[in-house]
N, C-alpha and C. Protein backbone atom coordinates (compact mmCIF):
# COMPACT_ATOMS: atom_id res chain seq x y z
N UNK A 1 0.82 -1.21 0.00
CA UNK A 1 0.00 0.00 0.00
C UNK A 1 0.85 1.25 0.00
N UNK A 2 2.01 1.23 0.62
CA UNK A 2 2.81 2.43 0.78
C UNK A 2 3.95 2.55 -0.23
N UNK A 3 3.97 1.71 -1.26
CA UNK A 3 5.03 1.82 -2.25
C UNK A 3 4.82 3.07 -3.09
N UNK A 4 5.87 3.47 -3.80
CA UNK A 4 5.80 4.68 -4.61
C UNK A 4 4.89 4.51 -5.83
N UNK A 5 4.48 3.30 -6.14
CA UNK A 5 3.67 3.07 -7.33
C UNK A 5 2.22 2.69 -6.99
N UNK A 6 1.81 2.73 -5.74
CA UNK A 6 0.47 2.30 -5.35
C UNK A 6 -0.51 3.46 -5.43
N UNK A 7 -0.64 4.05 -6.64
CA UNK A 7 -1.46 5.24 -6.79
C UNK A 7 -2.60 5.03 -7.78
N UNK A 8 -3.06 3.80 -7.95
CA UNK A 8 -4.12 3.54 -8.91
C UNK A 8 -5.37 4.38 -8.65
N UNK A 9 -5.65 4.68 -7.41
CA UNK A 9 -6.86 5.44 -7.08
C UNK A 9 -6.84 6.83 -7.70
N UNK A 10 -5.66 7.38 -8.00
CA UNK A 10 -5.58 8.73 -8.54
C UNK A 10 -6.09 8.80 -9.97
N UNK A 11 -6.35 7.64 -10.58
CA UNK A 11 -6.88 7.62 -11.94
C UNK A 11 -8.37 7.30 -11.98
N UNK A 12 -9.00 7.21 -10.80
CA UNK A 12 -10.43 6.93 -10.74
C UNK A 12 -11.23 8.07 -11.37
N UNK A 13 -12.39 7.73 -11.94
CA UNK A 13 -13.24 8.73 -12.59
C UNK A 13 -14.41 9.17 -11.71
N UNK A 14 -14.88 8.28 -10.84
CA UNK A 14 -16.08 8.53 -10.02
C UNK A 14 -15.67 8.57 -8.55
N UNK A 15 -15.72 9.74 -7.90
CA UNK A 15 -15.28 9.81 -6.51
C UNK A 15 -16.16 9.01 -5.55
N UNK A 16 -17.44 8.88 -5.86
CA UNK A 16 -18.32 8.12 -4.96
C UNK A 16 -18.03 6.63 -5.05
N UNK A 17 -17.74 6.13 -6.25
CA UNK A 17 -17.36 4.73 -6.40
C UNK A 17 -16.03 4.46 -5.70
N UNK A 18 -15.11 5.39 -5.82
CA UNK A 18 -13.82 5.25 -5.14
C UNK A 18 -14.02 5.23 -3.63
N UNK A 19 -14.84 6.16 -3.13
CA UNK A 19 -15.08 6.18 -1.69
C UNK A 19 -15.72 4.87 -1.24
N UNK A 20 -16.67 4.35 -2.01
CA UNK A 20 -17.33 3.09 -1.63
C UNK A 20 -16.31 1.96 -1.52
N UNK A 21 -15.36 1.90 -2.44
CA UNK A 21 -14.31 0.87 -2.37
C UNK A 21 -13.46 1.05 -1.12
N UNK A 22 -13.07 2.27 -0.84
CA UNK A 22 -12.24 2.54 0.34
C UNK A 22 -13.02 2.24 1.62
N UNK A 23 -14.30 2.54 1.62
CA UNK A 23 -15.09 2.32 2.83
C UNK A 23 -15.23 0.83 3.14
N UNK A 24 -15.40 0.02 2.10
CA UNK A 24 -15.45 -1.43 2.31
C UNK A 24 -14.16 -1.91 2.97
N UNK A 25 -13.02 -1.41 2.49
CA UNK A 25 -11.75 -1.79 3.10
C UNK A 25 -11.65 -1.29 4.53
N UNK A 26 -12.15 -0.08 4.78
CA UNK A 26 -12.11 0.46 6.15
C UNK A 26 -12.96 -0.38 7.09
N UNK A 27 -14.11 -0.84 6.62
CA UNK A 27 -14.97 -1.68 7.46
C UNK A 27 -14.28 -2.99 7.84
N UNK A 28 -13.40 -3.46 6.96
CA UNK A 28 -12.70 -4.71 7.23
C UNK A 28 -11.49 -4.54 8.12
N UNK A 29 -10.95 -3.30 8.21
CA UNK A 29 -9.69 -3.11 8.91
C UNK A 29 -9.76 -2.21 10.14
N UNK A 30 -10.66 -1.23 10.14
CA UNK A 30 -10.72 -0.32 11.28
C UNK A 30 -11.32 -1.02 12.49
N UNK A 31 -10.69 -0.87 13.65
CA UNK A 31 -11.16 -1.54 14.86
C UNK A 31 -12.48 -0.93 15.33
N UNK A 32 -12.55 0.39 15.31
CA UNK A 32 -13.73 1.09 15.82
C UNK A 32 -14.25 2.10 14.80
N UNK A 33 -15.55 2.06 14.56
CA UNK A 33 -16.28 3.10 13.85
C UNK A 33 -15.63 3.58 12.54
N UNK A 34 -15.56 2.73 11.53
CA UNK A 34 -15.04 3.20 10.24
C UNK A 34 -15.89 4.32 9.64
N UNK A 35 -17.14 4.45 10.11
CA UNK A 35 -18.03 5.50 9.61
C UNK A 35 -17.86 6.83 10.36
N UNK A 36 -16.94 6.87 11.33
CA UNK A 36 -16.71 8.11 12.07
C UNK A 36 -16.04 9.14 11.18
N UNK A 37 -16.48 10.39 11.33
CA UNK A 37 -15.91 11.47 10.54
C UNK A 37 -15.90 12.74 11.38
N UNK A 38 -14.91 13.58 11.16
CA UNK A 38 -14.90 14.88 11.83
C UNK A 38 -15.72 15.84 10.99
N UNK A 39 -16.56 16.61 11.65
CA UNK A 39 -17.45 17.57 10.99
C UNK A 39 -17.03 18.97 11.40
N UNK A 40 -16.67 19.78 10.42
CA UNK A 40 -16.22 21.15 10.69
C UNK A 40 -17.28 22.15 10.24
N UNK A 41 -17.60 23.08 11.14
CA UNK A 41 -18.53 24.17 10.87
C UNK A 41 -17.87 25.46 11.35
N UNK A 42 -18.57 26.59 11.20
CA UNK A 42 -18.07 27.85 11.76
C UNK A 42 -19.17 28.49 12.59
N UNK A 43 -18.77 29.20 13.66
CA UNK A 43 -19.75 29.87 14.51
C UNK A 43 -20.04 31.27 13.98
N UNK A 44 -20.83 32.03 14.73
CA UNK A 44 -21.26 33.35 14.28
C UNK A 44 -20.10 34.32 14.09
N UNK A 45 -18.98 34.07 14.78
CA UNK A 45 -17.80 34.91 14.64
C UNK A 45 -16.83 34.43 13.57
N UNK A 46 -17.22 33.35 12.87
CA UNK A 46 -16.34 32.78 11.85
C UNK A 46 -15.28 31.88 12.41
N UNK A 47 -15.37 31.55 13.71
CA UNK A 47 -14.38 30.67 14.34
C UNK A 47 -14.71 29.22 14.02
N UNK A 48 -13.76 28.46 13.47
CA UNK A 48 -14.04 27.06 13.13
C UNK A 48 -14.34 26.22 14.37
N UNK A 49 -15.17 25.21 14.16
CA UNK A 49 -15.57 24.29 15.22
C UNK A 49 -15.57 22.90 14.60
N UNK A 50 -15.08 21.89 15.32
CA UNK A 50 -15.02 20.55 14.75
C UNK A 50 -15.31 19.53 15.83
N UNK A 51 -15.95 18.43 15.41
CA UNK A 51 -16.27 17.33 16.34
C UNK A 51 -16.48 16.06 15.52
N UNK A 52 -16.49 14.92 16.20
CA UNK A 52 -16.70 13.65 15.52
C UNK A 52 -18.19 13.32 15.49
N UNK A 53 -18.67 12.87 14.34
CA UNK A 53 -20.04 12.37 14.19
C UNK A 53 -19.96 11.09 13.36
N UNK A 54 -21.10 10.42 13.19
CA UNK A 54 -21.13 9.18 12.41
C UNK A 54 -21.86 9.40 11.09
N UNK A 55 -21.24 8.97 10.02
CA UNK A 55 -21.88 9.00 8.71
C UNK A 55 -22.88 7.85 8.66
N UNK A 56 -24.13 8.16 8.39
CA UNK A 56 -25.16 7.13 8.35
C UNK A 56 -25.59 6.74 6.94
N UNK A 57 -25.13 7.50 5.96
CA UNK A 57 -25.42 7.16 4.57
C UNK A 57 -24.51 7.99 3.70
N UNK A 58 -24.03 7.42 2.61
CA UNK A 58 -23.27 8.18 1.63
C UNK A 58 -23.57 7.62 0.25
N UNK A 59 -24.11 8.50 -0.60
CA UNK A 59 -24.41 8.12 -1.97
C UNK A 59 -24.12 9.31 -2.87
N UNK A 60 -24.58 9.25 -4.12
CA UNK A 60 -24.27 10.30 -5.08
C UNK A 60 -24.88 11.65 -4.68
N UNK A 61 -25.80 11.66 -3.72
CA UNK A 61 -26.39 12.92 -3.27
C UNK A 61 -25.59 13.55 -2.13
N UNK A 62 -24.76 12.76 -1.46
CA UNK A 62 -23.93 13.33 -0.42
C UNK A 62 -23.81 12.49 0.83
N UNK A 63 -23.31 13.13 1.87
CA UNK A 63 -23.00 12.50 3.15
C UNK A 63 -24.10 12.83 4.16
N UNK A 64 -24.69 11.82 4.78
CA UNK A 64 -25.81 12.01 5.70
C UNK A 64 -25.38 11.74 7.13
N UNK A 65 -25.79 12.63 8.03
CA UNK A 65 -25.58 12.43 9.47
C UNK A 65 -26.78 13.00 10.20
N UNK A 66 -26.91 12.63 11.47
CA UNK A 66 -28.05 13.05 12.29
C UNK A 66 -27.54 13.70 13.56
N UNK A 67 -28.28 14.70 14.03
CA UNK A 67 -27.87 15.37 15.26
C UNK A 67 -29.02 16.21 15.81
N UNK A 68 -28.79 16.78 16.97
CA UNK A 68 -29.72 17.71 17.60
C UNK A 68 -29.56 19.07 16.91
N UNK A 69 -30.62 19.55 16.28
CA UNK A 69 -30.54 20.82 15.56
C UNK A 69 -30.35 22.01 16.48
N UNK A 70 -30.57 21.80 17.79
CA UNK A 70 -30.37 22.87 18.76
C UNK A 70 -29.00 22.82 19.41
N UNK A 71 -28.17 21.85 18.98
CA UNK A 71 -26.79 21.76 19.49
C UNK A 71 -25.96 22.86 18.86
N UNK A 72 -24.70 22.97 19.29
CA UNK A 72 -23.82 23.98 18.71
C UNK A 72 -23.69 23.78 17.20
N UNK A 73 -23.46 22.54 16.76
CA UNK A 73 -23.30 22.31 15.33
C UNK A 73 -24.60 22.56 14.58
N UNK A 74 -25.73 22.22 15.20
CA UNK A 74 -27.01 22.48 14.55
C UNK A 74 -27.26 23.96 14.36
N UNK A 75 -26.96 24.75 15.39
CA UNK A 75 -27.14 26.20 15.28
C UNK A 75 -26.16 26.80 14.28
N UNK A 76 -24.93 26.30 14.26
CA UNK A 76 -23.95 26.80 13.31
C UNK A 76 -24.34 26.48 11.87
N UNK A 77 -24.88 25.30 11.64
CA UNK A 77 -25.31 24.93 10.31
C UNK A 77 -26.53 25.73 9.86
N UNK A 78 -27.39 26.08 10.82
CA UNK A 78 -28.55 26.90 10.47
C UNK A 78 -28.11 28.29 10.01
N UNK A 79 -27.08 28.83 10.66
CA UNK A 79 -26.61 30.18 10.34
C UNK A 79 -25.70 30.19 9.11
N UNK A 80 -24.92 29.14 8.93
CA UNK A 80 -23.98 29.05 7.79
C UNK A 80 -24.03 27.61 7.29
N UNK A 81 -24.97 27.29 6.40
CA UNK A 81 -25.21 25.89 6.00
C UNK A 81 -24.18 25.33 5.02
N UNK A 82 -22.94 25.36 5.44
CA UNK A 82 -21.82 24.77 4.69
C UNK A 82 -20.92 24.07 5.69
N UNK A 83 -20.25 23.01 5.25
CA UNK A 83 -19.43 22.25 6.19
C UNK A 83 -18.39 21.44 5.43
N UNK A 84 -17.48 20.86 6.19
CA UNK A 84 -16.50 19.92 5.66
C UNK A 84 -16.47 18.72 6.59
N UNK A 85 -16.24 17.54 6.01
CA UNK A 85 -16.08 16.34 6.83
C UNK A 85 -14.79 15.63 6.40
N UNK A 86 -14.21 14.92 7.35
CA UNK A 86 -12.98 14.18 7.11
C UNK A 86 -13.11 12.78 7.69
N UNK A 87 -12.88 11.77 6.86
CA UNK A 87 -12.74 10.39 7.30
C UNK A 87 -11.24 10.10 7.39
N UNK A 88 -10.79 9.59 8.53
CA UNK A 88 -9.39 9.22 8.68
C UNK A 88 -9.33 7.76 9.12
N UNK A 89 -8.81 6.92 8.24
CA UNK A 89 -8.68 5.49 8.54
C UNK A 89 -7.22 5.20 8.82
N UNK A 90 -6.87 5.25 10.09
CA UNK A 90 -5.47 5.14 10.49
C UNK A 90 -4.87 3.79 10.10
N UNK A 91 -5.66 2.72 10.23
CA UNK A 91 -5.13 1.39 9.91
C UNK A 91 -4.76 1.26 8.43
N UNK A 92 -5.42 2.02 7.57
CA UNK A 92 -5.14 1.98 6.13
C UNK A 92 -4.25 3.14 5.67
N UNK A 93 -3.99 4.06 6.59
CA UNK A 93 -3.21 5.26 6.27
C UNK A 93 -3.83 6.01 5.09
N UNK A 94 -5.14 6.23 5.24
CA UNK A 94 -5.90 6.93 4.20
C UNK A 94 -6.83 7.96 4.84
N UNK A 95 -7.17 8.95 4.05
CA UNK A 95 -8.22 9.87 4.48
C UNK A 95 -8.99 10.36 3.25
N UNK A 96 -10.24 10.75 3.51
CA UNK A 96 -11.10 11.30 2.46
C UNK A 96 -11.80 12.52 3.04
N UNK A 97 -11.85 13.59 2.25
CA UNK A 97 -12.45 14.85 2.70
C UNK A 97 -13.57 15.27 1.75
N UNK A 98 -14.62 15.84 2.32
CA UNK A 98 -15.76 16.35 1.56
C UNK A 98 -16.05 17.78 2.00
N UNK A 99 -16.36 18.66 1.05
CA UNK A 99 -16.75 20.04 1.36
C UNK A 99 -17.97 20.39 0.53
N UNK A 100 -18.92 21.13 1.15
CA UNK A 100 -20.09 21.53 0.38
C UNK A 100 -21.18 22.12 1.23
N UNK A 101 -22.33 22.34 0.60
CA UNK A 101 -23.50 22.91 1.27
C UNK A 101 -24.23 21.81 2.04
N UNK A 102 -24.90 22.22 3.12
CA UNK A 102 -25.62 21.28 3.98
C UNK A 102 -27.11 21.65 3.99
N UNK A 103 -27.96 20.64 3.81
CA UNK A 103 -29.41 20.83 3.90
C UNK A 103 -29.98 19.81 4.87
N UNK A 104 -31.18 20.11 5.38
CA UNK A 104 -31.85 19.18 6.27
C UNK A 104 -32.65 18.16 5.48
N UNK A 105 -32.69 16.92 5.98
CA UNK A 105 -33.54 15.90 5.39
C UNK A 105 -34.98 16.14 5.79
N UNK A 106 -35.89 15.52 5.06
CA UNK A 106 -37.30 15.68 5.42
C UNK A 106 -37.63 14.86 6.67
N UNK A 107 -38.77 15.17 7.26
CA UNK A 107 -39.19 14.51 8.50
C UNK A 107 -39.27 13.01 8.41
N UNK A 108 -39.91 12.44 7.37
CA UNK A 108 -40.01 10.98 7.28
C UNK A 108 -38.65 10.28 7.26
N UNK A 109 -37.67 10.88 6.62
CA UNK A 109 -36.33 10.27 6.60
C UNK A 109 -35.73 10.25 8.00
N UNK A 110 -35.88 11.38 8.72
CA UNK A 110 -35.37 11.44 10.09
C UNK A 110 -36.13 10.48 11.00
N UNK A 111 -37.45 10.38 10.80
CA UNK A 111 -38.25 9.43 11.59
C UNK A 111 -37.76 8.00 11.39
N UNK A 112 -37.54 7.64 10.14
CA UNK A 112 -37.14 6.26 9.84
C UNK A 112 -35.83 5.92 10.51
N UNK A 113 -34.86 6.81 10.44
CA UNK A 113 -33.59 6.50 11.08
C UNK A 113 -33.70 6.53 12.61
N UNK A 114 -34.43 7.51 13.13
CA UNK A 114 -34.59 7.61 14.59
C UNK A 114 -35.13 6.31 15.16
N UNK A 115 -36.14 5.73 14.50
CA UNK A 115 -36.76 4.52 15.04
C UNK A 115 -35.95 3.26 14.77
N UNK A 116 -34.87 3.38 13.99
CA UNK A 116 -33.97 2.24 13.81
C UNK A 116 -32.93 2.17 14.92
N UNK A 117 -32.83 3.23 15.72
CA UNK A 117 -31.82 3.29 16.78
C UNK A 117 -32.25 2.47 17.99
N UNK A 118 -31.29 2.11 18.82
CA UNK A 118 -31.61 1.41 20.07
C UNK A 118 -32.54 2.27 20.91
N UNK A 119 -33.45 1.64 21.62
CA UNK A 119 -34.44 2.38 22.41
C UNK A 119 -33.77 3.32 23.40
N UNK A 120 -32.70 2.88 24.04
CA UNK A 120 -32.00 3.73 25.00
C UNK A 120 -31.38 4.96 24.31
N UNK A 121 -30.97 4.79 23.07
CA UNK A 121 -30.44 5.93 22.32
C UNK A 121 -31.56 6.91 21.99
N UNK A 122 -32.75 6.39 21.72
CA UNK A 122 -33.89 7.28 21.49
C UNK A 122 -34.22 8.07 22.75
N UNK A 123 -34.16 7.41 23.89
CA UNK A 123 -34.37 8.10 25.18
C UNK A 123 -33.31 9.17 25.37
N UNK A 124 -32.07 8.81 25.03
CA UNK A 124 -30.97 9.76 25.18
C UNK A 124 -31.18 11.03 24.37
N UNK A 125 -31.79 10.90 23.19
CA UNK A 125 -32.05 12.08 22.37
C UNK A 125 -33.01 13.04 23.06
N UNK A 126 -33.94 12.50 23.82
CA UNK A 126 -34.86 13.34 24.59
C UNK A 126 -34.19 13.92 25.83
N UNK A 127 -33.32 13.13 26.45
CA UNK A 127 -32.73 13.54 27.73
C UNK A 127 -31.64 14.58 27.58
N UNK A 128 -30.92 14.56 26.47
CA UNK A 128 -29.77 15.44 26.32
C UNK A 128 -30.14 16.77 25.68
N UNK A 129 -29.92 17.83 26.41
CA UNK A 129 -30.06 19.19 25.86
C UNK A 129 -28.68 19.56 25.30
N UNK A 130 -28.36 18.96 24.18
CA UNK A 130 -27.00 18.93 23.66
C UNK A 130 -26.35 20.31 23.58
N UNK A 131 -25.13 20.38 24.07
CA UNK A 131 -24.27 21.57 24.07
C UNK A 131 -24.64 22.59 25.15
N UNK A 132 -25.73 22.35 25.90
CA UNK A 132 -26.07 23.26 26.99
C UNK A 132 -25.30 22.88 28.25
N UNK A 133 -25.10 23.83 29.16
CA UNK A 133 -24.42 23.51 30.42
C UNK A 133 -25.18 22.44 31.21
N UNK A 134 -24.43 21.54 31.84
CA UNK A 134 -24.99 20.44 32.63
C UNK A 134 -24.33 20.44 34.00
N UNK A 135 -25.15 20.51 35.05
CA UNK A 135 -24.57 20.64 36.39
C UNK A 135 -23.93 19.36 36.90
N UNK A 136 -24.41 18.19 36.45
CA UNK A 136 -23.83 16.93 36.94
C UNK A 136 -24.27 15.77 36.08
N UNK A 137 -23.51 14.69 36.16
CA UNK A 137 -23.88 13.45 35.48
C UNK A 137 -25.22 12.93 36.02
N UNK A 138 -25.42 13.12 37.32
CA UNK A 138 -26.65 12.64 37.95
C UNK A 138 -27.88 13.29 37.32
N UNK A 139 -27.77 14.56 36.93
CA UNK A 139 -28.89 15.26 36.32
C UNK A 139 -29.23 14.62 34.97
N UNK A 140 -28.21 14.30 34.18
CA UNK A 140 -28.45 13.66 32.89
C UNK A 140 -29.12 12.31 33.06
N UNK A 141 -28.64 11.52 34.01
CA UNK A 141 -29.22 10.20 34.23
C UNK A 141 -30.65 10.31 34.75
N UNK A 142 -30.92 11.33 35.57
CA UNK A 142 -32.27 11.54 36.07
C UNK A 142 -33.23 11.88 34.94
N UNK A 143 -32.77 12.70 34.00
CA UNK A 143 -33.61 13.05 32.85
C UNK A 143 -33.89 11.83 31.98
N UNK A 144 -32.89 10.98 31.80
CA UNK A 144 -33.09 9.76 31.03
C UNK A 144 -34.13 8.86 31.70
N UNK A 145 -34.05 8.73 33.01
CA UNK A 145 -35.03 7.92 33.74
C UNK A 145 -36.42 8.53 33.65
N UNK A 146 -36.48 9.84 33.68
CA UNK A 146 -37.77 10.54 33.59
C UNK A 146 -38.45 10.25 32.25
N UNK A 147 -37.70 10.34 31.17
CA UNK A 147 -38.29 10.08 29.86
C UNK A 147 -38.60 8.60 29.66
N UNK A 148 -37.81 7.73 30.28
CA UNK A 148 -38.11 6.31 30.19
C UNK A 148 -39.44 6.00 30.85
N UNK A 149 -39.70 6.63 31.99
CA UNK A 149 -40.99 6.45 32.66
C UNK A 149 -42.12 7.05 31.83
N UNK A 150 -41.87 8.21 31.25
CA UNK A 150 -42.90 8.91 30.47
C UNK A 150 -43.36 8.08 29.28
N UNK A 151 -42.42 7.47 28.55
CA UNK A 151 -42.80 6.73 27.35
C UNK A 151 -43.19 5.29 27.63
N UNK A 152 -42.74 4.74 28.77
CA UNK A 152 -43.09 3.38 29.11
C UNK A 152 -42.77 2.42 27.98
N UNK A 153 -43.78 1.64 27.57
CA UNK A 153 -43.58 0.68 26.48
C UNK A 153 -44.07 1.24 25.14
N UNK A 154 -44.50 2.49 25.13
CA UNK A 154 -45.00 3.10 23.90
C UNK A 154 -43.85 3.40 22.93
N UNK A 155 -44.21 3.58 21.67
CA UNK A 155 -43.21 4.00 20.70
C UNK A 155 -42.73 5.40 21.07
N UNK A 156 -41.45 5.61 20.95
CA UNK A 156 -40.87 6.91 21.32
C UNK A 156 -40.87 7.80 20.09
N UNK A 157 -41.55 8.94 20.14
CA UNK A 157 -41.56 9.83 18.98
C UNK A 157 -40.21 10.52 18.81
N UNK A 158 -39.91 10.87 17.59
CA UNK A 158 -38.69 11.63 17.35
C UNK A 158 -38.87 13.06 17.83
N UNK A 159 -37.94 13.57 18.65
CA UNK A 159 -38.02 14.98 19.03
C UNK A 159 -37.91 15.86 17.78
N UNK A 160 -38.65 16.95 17.74
CA UNK A 160 -38.64 17.81 16.56
C UNK A 160 -37.24 18.33 16.27
N UNK A 161 -36.44 18.51 17.33
CA UNK A 161 -35.10 19.08 17.13
C UNK A 161 -34.08 18.05 16.66
N UNK A 162 -34.45 16.77 16.63
CA UNK A 162 -33.51 15.72 16.21
C UNK A 162 -33.66 15.55 14.71
N UNK A 163 -32.67 15.97 13.95
CA UNK A 163 -32.81 16.09 12.50
C UNK A 163 -31.71 15.33 11.75
N UNK A 164 -32.00 15.11 10.48
CA UNK A 164 -31.00 14.57 9.57
C UNK A 164 -30.46 15.67 8.68
N UNK A 165 -29.18 15.58 8.32
CA UNK A 165 -28.53 16.58 7.49
C UNK A 165 -27.77 15.87 6.36
N UNK A 166 -27.72 16.53 5.21
CA UNK A 166 -26.94 15.99 4.09
C UNK A 166 -25.96 17.05 3.60
N UNK A 167 -24.69 16.68 3.54
CA UNK A 167 -23.67 17.52 2.94
C UNK A 167 -23.54 17.10 1.48
N UNK A 168 -23.86 18.01 0.56
CA UNK A 168 -23.74 17.75 -0.87
C UNK A 168 -22.39 18.29 -1.34
N UNK A 169 -21.43 17.43 -1.61
CA UNK A 169 -20.06 17.91 -1.86
C UNK A 169 -19.88 18.61 -3.19
N UNK A 170 -19.08 19.66 -3.15
CA UNK A 170 -18.59 20.28 -4.38
C UNK A 170 -17.11 19.93 -4.57
N UNK A 171 -16.48 19.43 -3.51
CA UNK A 171 -15.11 18.92 -3.58
C UNK A 171 -14.99 17.64 -2.76
N UNK A 172 -14.27 16.68 -3.31
CA UNK A 172 -13.96 15.45 -2.59
C UNK A 172 -12.48 15.17 -2.82
N UNK A 173 -11.76 14.94 -1.74
CA UNK A 173 -10.32 14.72 -1.88
C UNK A 173 -9.91 13.42 -1.19
N UNK A 174 -9.03 12.69 -1.84
CA UNK A 174 -8.52 11.42 -1.32
C UNK A 174 -7.01 11.53 -1.11
N UNK A 175 -6.56 10.97 0.00
CA UNK A 175 -5.14 11.01 0.37
C UNK A 175 -4.73 9.62 0.83
N UNK A 176 -3.56 9.19 0.38
CA UNK A 176 -3.00 7.91 0.83
C UNK A 176 -1.54 8.09 1.17
N UNK A 177 -1.17 7.52 2.31
CA UNK A 177 0.21 7.62 2.79
C UNK A 177 1.17 6.99 1.79
N UNK A 178 2.32 7.63 1.62
CA UNK A 178 3.37 7.09 0.77
C UNK A 178 4.69 7.06 1.50
N UNK A 179 5.59 6.20 1.06
CA UNK A 179 6.91 6.09 1.69
C UNK A 179 7.66 7.42 1.60
N UNK A 180 8.38 7.73 2.68
CA UNK A 180 9.21 8.93 2.74
C UNK A 180 8.39 10.22 2.54
N UNK A 181 7.12 10.14 2.96
CA UNK A 181 6.19 11.29 2.89
C UNK A 181 5.89 11.73 1.46
N UNK A 182 6.13 10.83 0.49
CA UNK A 182 5.73 11.10 -0.89
C UNK A 182 4.33 10.51 -1.09
N UNK A 183 3.36 11.18 -0.46
CA UNK A 183 1.98 10.68 -0.43
C UNK A 183 1.31 10.85 -1.79
N UNK A 184 0.19 10.17 -1.98
CA UNK A 184 -0.64 10.32 -3.16
C UNK A 184 -1.92 11.07 -2.78
N UNK A 185 -2.29 12.03 -3.61
CA UNK A 185 -3.41 12.91 -3.27
C UNK A 185 -4.12 13.33 -4.55
N UNK A 186 -5.45 13.19 -4.56
CA UNK A 186 -6.22 13.59 -5.73
C UNK A 186 -7.49 14.29 -5.27
N UNK A 187 -7.85 15.34 -6.01
CA UNK A 187 -9.04 16.13 -5.68
C UNK A 187 -10.03 16.10 -6.84
N UNK A 188 -11.30 15.86 -6.50
CA UNK A 188 -12.39 15.93 -7.47
C UNK A 188 -13.20 17.20 -7.17
N UNK A 189 -13.48 17.99 -8.21
CA UNK A 189 -14.25 19.22 -8.07
C UNK A 189 -15.46 19.14 -8.99
N UNK A 190 -16.62 19.54 -8.48
CA UNK A 190 -17.84 19.53 -9.29
C UNK A 190 -17.65 20.34 -10.56
N UNK A 191 -18.09 19.75 -11.67
CA UNK A 191 -18.01 20.43 -12.96
C UNK A 191 -19.27 20.06 -13.73
N UNK A 192 -20.29 20.91 -13.67
CA UNK A 192 -21.57 20.58 -14.28
C UNK A 192 -22.19 19.38 -13.59
N UNK A 193 -22.54 18.36 -14.38
CA UNK A 193 -23.11 17.13 -13.82
C UNK A 193 -22.04 16.12 -13.44
N UNK A 194 -20.79 16.43 -13.76
CA UNK A 194 -19.72 15.48 -13.47
C UNK A 194 -18.67 16.04 -12.54
N UNK A 195 -17.46 15.50 -12.66
CA UNK A 195 -16.37 15.87 -11.77
C UNK A 195 -15.09 16.12 -12.56
N UNK A 196 -14.34 17.11 -12.13
CA UNK A 196 -13.01 17.36 -12.66
C UNK A 196 -12.01 16.77 -11.67
N UNK A 197 -11.09 15.95 -12.17
CA UNK A 197 -10.08 15.31 -11.31
C UNK A 197 -8.75 16.01 -11.48
N UNK A 198 -8.07 16.22 -10.35
CA UNK A 198 -6.75 16.86 -10.39
C UNK A 198 -5.86 16.23 -9.35
N UNK A 199 -4.70 15.80 -9.77
CA UNK A 199 -3.71 15.28 -8.83
C UNK A 199 -3.00 16.44 -8.16
N UNK A 200 -2.72 16.30 -6.85
CA UNK A 200 -2.10 17.37 -6.08
C UNK A 200 -0.77 16.92 -5.50
N UNK A 201 0.15 17.90 -5.34
CA UNK A 201 1.33 17.63 -4.56
C UNK A 201 0.90 17.29 -3.13
N UNK A 202 1.62 16.39 -2.47
CA UNK A 202 1.25 16.06 -1.09
C UNK A 202 1.61 17.17 -0.11
């Protein structure tokens, strides 16, 4: 993988097909969460903010993730609906980056994913006032118990603030480690209905 000639990916034509191939390999090799990605946004002052989230879908329309729309990232995306994400697969010495505009998914899509989650995770979505100050761990656990009692054995509705988001990329970049720091790097940029590919110095 790290030889000076292992750059076949730089000749790929479809960035989504390339990502799908890399993701299959990541699923086979990464110990934890191959779908984990860092999500970068900016706040009202233009200060960058970044955190780890999980990619729940990726297709030709973009990268999908779910979060509390009232969290810091949710508020930042509402004010400036653009973002970047980075997948870093350390075991493969690879990374993939996406940049573009972010839109919210419709309610039925968010409902479907919310109800696929573990019941305790659904409770957690109600209990956590994400990004707000919390006086103690005990308070969080008390809120979780409160909502568990409230819903009992009933179906747990999706909180209105728990939303799905899609990043529609205008740029996708792939990087692979190379010997002696002579890495391989290629960037795809939206060009009409297709993509323009450009190899970059590492």
